[in-house]
């Protein structure tokens, strides 16, 4: 199962490491087996590749439906990604597919921001997908923060830091707030100072009021 995914990672992984020399910190927080939700900020199209090479396990990533429907859609379908319609208010099919994967002991990677962050905000408002998955399955969420640059010979190498797993709270709302704060803290601790000072941190409660 997922032979194509493993082959693709075997081929692209070394190339990615040579080009970008990524730093992976806290990979021990990703469980060696069993279900988990992996969730973090979204800054670049290459983020899923960085997450994929951070563990030897297969990672089921939620990706926008347009990629699955495009000319190279077969690549995403063969890699086991889960399509999400970013234009829809709710994505029950994507949620059920993710929950099913988790209940079968897999890793599911989610970007709670739902899109790449091109703003000066530290984080965009969070969708509830990761929190609902954790609440429904009992799986822990491993938060991560991606910082640095996806460039050749960058001033700051791209880095992903995985934090301590989070257990689902009594409600998805509480879980989502915990996840938001965990990722925000990881970003503030690891983002280059000159970039961090240009970022505005909006609290979870403030987003709720907007």
Protein backbone atom coordinates (compact mmCIF):
# COMPACT_ATOMS: atom_id res chain seq x y z
CA UNK A 1 0.00 0.00 0.00
CA UNK A 2 1.17 3.53 -0.86
CA UNK A 3 3.97 2.15 -3.00
CA UNK A 4 3.90 5.22 -5.24
CA UNK A 5 4.09 7.54 -2.22
CA UNK A 6 7.13 5.71 -0.85
CA UNK A 7 8.82 5.67 -4.25
CA UNK A 8 8.17 9.39 -4.71
CA UNK A 9 9.61 10.19 -1.30
CA UNK A 10 12.63 7.95 -1.96
CA UNK A 11 13.35 9.88 -5.17
CA UNK A 12 12.44 13.42 -4.15
CA UNK A 13 13.57 13.31 -0.53
CA UNK A 14 17.32 13.39 -1.20
CA UNK A 15 16.90 16.09 -3.85
CA UNK A 16 14.87 18.22 -1.46
CA UNK A 17 17.47 17.79 1.30
CA UNK A 18 20.35 18.74 -1.03
CA UNK A 19 18.58 21.83 -2.37
CA UNK A 20 17.15 23.23 0.85
CA UNK A 21 19.14 21.56 3.66
CA UNK A 22 16.08 21.52 5.94
CA UNK A 23 16.36 21.27 9.71
CA UNK A 24 13.93 18.92 11.44
CA UNK A 25 13.61 19.36 15.19
CA UNK A 26 11.44 17.33 17.54
CA UNK A 27 10.69 14.51 15.13
CA UNK A 28 10.53 12.20 18.16
CA UNK A 29 7.17 13.81 18.95
CA UNK A 30 5.68 12.08 15.90
CA UNK A 31 4.52 8.65 17.10
CA UNK A 32 6.44 5.73 15.61
CA UNK A 33 3.15 3.91 15.15
CA UNK A 34 -0.53 4.46 15.67
CA UNK A 35 -2.81 7.35 14.73
CA UNK A 36 -2.06 11.04 15.04
CA UNK A 37 -3.02 14.36 13.51
CA UNK A 38 -0.10 16.57 12.47
CA UNK A 39 -0.96 20.25 12.16
CA UNK A 40 0.99 23.44 11.56
CA UNK A 41 1.31 26.74 9.73
CA UNK A 42 1.31 26.93 5.95
CA UNK A 43 3.90 29.18 4.34
CA UNK A 44 4.90 27.46 1.08
CA UNK A 45 3.75 24.91 -1.48
CA UNK A 46 6.66 22.67 -0.43
CA UNK A 47 5.46 22.39 3.19
CA UNK A 48 3.93 18.91 2.65
CA UNK A 49 7.23 17.60 1.28
CA UNK A 50 9.05 18.91 4.34
CA UNK A 51 6.56 17.13 6.60
CA UNK A 52 6.78 13.93 4.54
CA UNK A 53 10.56 13.67 4.89
CA UNK A 54 10.39 14.38 8.63
CA UNK A 55 9.19 10.84 9.35
CA UNK A 56 9.62 7.39 7.88
CA UNK A 57 5.88 6.85 8.11
CA UNK A 58 3.32 7.52 5.39
CA UNK A 59 1.65 10.90 5.88
CA UNK A 60 -1.84 11.50 4.48
CA UNK A 61 -1.98 15.21 3.67
CA UNK A 62 -5.13 17.22 3.08
CA UNK A 63 -4.60 19.06 -0.22
CA UNK A 64 -6.83 21.36 -2.23
CA UNK A 65 -9.20 19.61 -4.60
CA UNK A 66 -7.97 21.64 -7.58
CA UNK A 67 -4.68 19.74 -7.44
CA UNK A 68 -6.50 16.42 -7.68
CA UNK A 69 -8.56 17.64 -10.61
CA UNK A 70 -5.63 19.15 -12.54
CA UNK A 71 -3.35 17.68 -15.18
CA UNK A 72 -1.15 16.07 -12.54
CA UNK A 73 -3.99 14.94 -10.33
CA UNK A 74 -2.96 11.31 -10.65
CA UNK A 75 0.22 12.14 -8.72
CA UNK A 76 -1.72 13.44 -5.74
CA UNK A 77 -4.27 10.64 -5.85
CA UNK A 78 -1.52 8.01 -6.07
CA UNK A 79 0.29 9.64 -3.14
CA UNK A 80 -2.78 9.21 -0.95
CA UNK A 81 -3.56 12.88 -0.37
CA UNK A 82 -7.08 13.78 0.72
CA UNK A 83 -8.87 16.37 -1.47
CA UNK A 84 -10.41 19.44 0.17
CA UNK A 85 -12.64 21.96 -1.61
CA UNK A 86 -11.37 25.31 -0.36
CA UNK A 87 -14.39 27.10 -1.82
CA UNK A 88 -16.88 25.06 0.20
CA UNK A 89 -17.95 26.12 3.68
CA UNK A 90 -17.87 22.52 4.87
CA UNK A 91 -15.96 19.49 3.59
CA UNK A 92 -17.71 16.43 5.03
CA UNK A 93 -16.14 14.03 2.50
CA UNK A 94 -12.62 15.20 3.35
CA UNK A 95 -13.35 15.04 7.07
CA UNK A 96 -14.74 11.51 6.84
CA UNK A 97 -11.77 10.35 4.73
CA UNK A 98 -9.35 11.83 7.27
CA UNK A 99 -11.20 10.32 10.23
CA UNK A 100 -11.22 6.94 8.51
CA UNK A 101 -7.46 7.15 7.92
CA UNK A 102 -6.85 8.06 11.57
CA UNK A 103 -9.08 5.25 12.80
CA UNK A 104 -6.94 2.88 10.71
CA UNK A 105 -3.82 4.05 12.57
CA UNK A 106 -2.48 6.52 10.01
CA UNK A 107 -0.91 9.98 10.23
CA UNK A 108 -2.93 12.84 8.78
CA UNK A 109 -1.35 16.22 8.06
CA UNK A 110 -3.60 19.29 8.21
CA UNK A 111 -3.03 23.02 7.69
CA UNK A 112 -5.57 24.68 10.04
CA UNK A 113 -5.06 27.99 8.22
CA UNK A 114 -6.47 26.23 5.11
CA UNK A 115 -4.33 28.35 2.79
CA UNK A 116 -0.86 29.83 2.52
CA UNK A 117 -0.24 32.86 4.69
CA UNK A 118 0.78 35.84 2.54
CA UNK A 119 -0.07 38.40 5.21
CA UNK A 120 1.85 40.05 8.03
CA UNK A 121 -0.14 38.00 10.53
CA UNK A 122 1.76 35.36 12.45
CA UNK A 123 -1.14 32.98 11.84
CA UNK A 124 -4.42 33.15 9.94
CA UNK A 125 -7.71 32.13 11.60
CA UNK A 126 -7.93 28.39 12.17
CA UNK A 127 -10.47 26.05 10.64
CA UNK A 128 -11.77 23.27 12.89
CA UNK A 129 -10.69 20.23 10.86
CA UNK A 130 -7.75 19.12 13.01
CA UNK A 131 -9.65 19.72 16.24
CA UNK A 132 -12.71 17.78 15.08
CA UNK A 133 -10.55 14.88 13.86
CA UNK A 134 -8.87 14.65 17.25
CA UNK A 135 -12.17 14.94 19.12
CA UNK A 136 -13.85 12.25 17.05
CA UNK A 137 -11.00 9.75 17.08
CA UNK A 138 -9.21 10.44 20.36
CA UNK A 139 -5.94 10.83 18.45
CA UNK A 140 -3.42 13.36 19.68
CA UNK A 141 -2.40 16.38 17.60
CA UNK A 142 1.30 17.01 17.00
CA UNK A 143 1.74 20.77 16.37
CA UNK A 144 4.54 22.03 14.14
CA UNK A 145 5.97 25.34 12.99
CA UNK A 146 7.77 25.96 9.71
CA UNK A 147 10.18 28.89 9.56
CA UNK A 148 13.05 30.03 7.35
CA UNK A 149 13.30 30.15 3.57
CA UNK A 150 12.87 27.68 0.74
CA UNK A 151 15.82 29.07 -1.19
CA UNK A 152 19.23 27.95 -2.35
CA UNK A 153 21.86 29.24 0.08
CA UNK A 154 19.30 31.10 2.23
CA UNK A 155 20.18 33.36 5.12
CA UNK A 156 17.91 31.25 7.29
CA UNK A 157 17.49 27.58 6.39
CA UNK A 158 13.99 26.22 6.29
CA UNK A 159 13.17 24.52 9.57
CA UNK A 160 10.28 22.54 10.97
CA UNK A 161 9.88 22.13 14.72
CA UNK A 162 7.45 19.55 16.09
CA UNK A 163 6.04 20.31 19.52
CA UNK A 164 4.65 18.10 22.26
CA UNK A 165 1.44 16.24 21.35
CA UNK A 166 -1.86 17.79 22.38
CA UNK A 167 -4.78 15.74 23.66
CA UNK A 168 -8.26 16.72 22.54
CA UNK A 169 -10.11 18.87 25.08
CA UNK A 170 -13.78 18.63 25.99
CA UNK A 171 -14.84 20.53 22.87
CA UNK A 172 -13.34 21.13 19.40
CA UNK A 173 -13.38 24.85 20.22
CA UNK A 174 -11.10 24.33 23.21
CA UNK A 175 -8.86 21.99 21.22
CA UNK A 176 -8.60 24.49 18.37
CA UNK A 177 -7.60 27.25 20.77
CA UNK A 178 -4.91 25.04 22.35
CA UNK A 179 -3.57 24.13 18.92
CA UNK A 180 -3.49 27.76 17.77
CA UNK A 181 -1.54 28.82 20.84
CA UNK A 182 0.87 25.87 20.56
CA UNK A 183 1.75 26.65 16.95
CA UNK A 184 1.99 30.39 17.65
CA UNK A 185 4.43 29.72 20.49
CA UNK A 186 6.56 27.45 18.29
CA UNK A 187 6.69 30.15 15.62
CA UNK A 188 7.65 32.87 18.07
CA UNK A 189 10.38 30.67 19.55
CA UNK A 190 11.88 29.67 16.20
CA UNK A 191 11.18 32.40 13.64
CA UNK A 192 14.21 34.55 12.74
CA UNK A 193 14.07 37.76 14.85
CA UNK A 194 14.03 40.10 11.84
CA UNK A 195 11.02 38.25 10.40
CA UNK A 196 9.22 37.94 13.72
CA UNK A 197 9.30 41.68 14.34
CA UNK A 198 7.40 42.19 11.10
CA UNK A 199 4.67 39.75 12.12
CA UNK A 200 1.54 40.68 14.01
CA UNK A 201 0.20 38.21 16.55
CA UNK A 202 -3.58 38.15 16.76
CA UNK A 203 -4.94 36.14 19.66
CA UNK A 204 -7.40 33.34 19.03
CA UNK A 205 -10.08 35.29 20.90
CA UNK A 206 -9.54 38.35 18.69
CA UNK A 207 -10.06 36.32 15.53
CA UNK A 208 -13.32 35.02 17.00
CA UNK A 209 -14.62 38.57 17.39
CA UNK A 210 -13.88 39.57 13.79
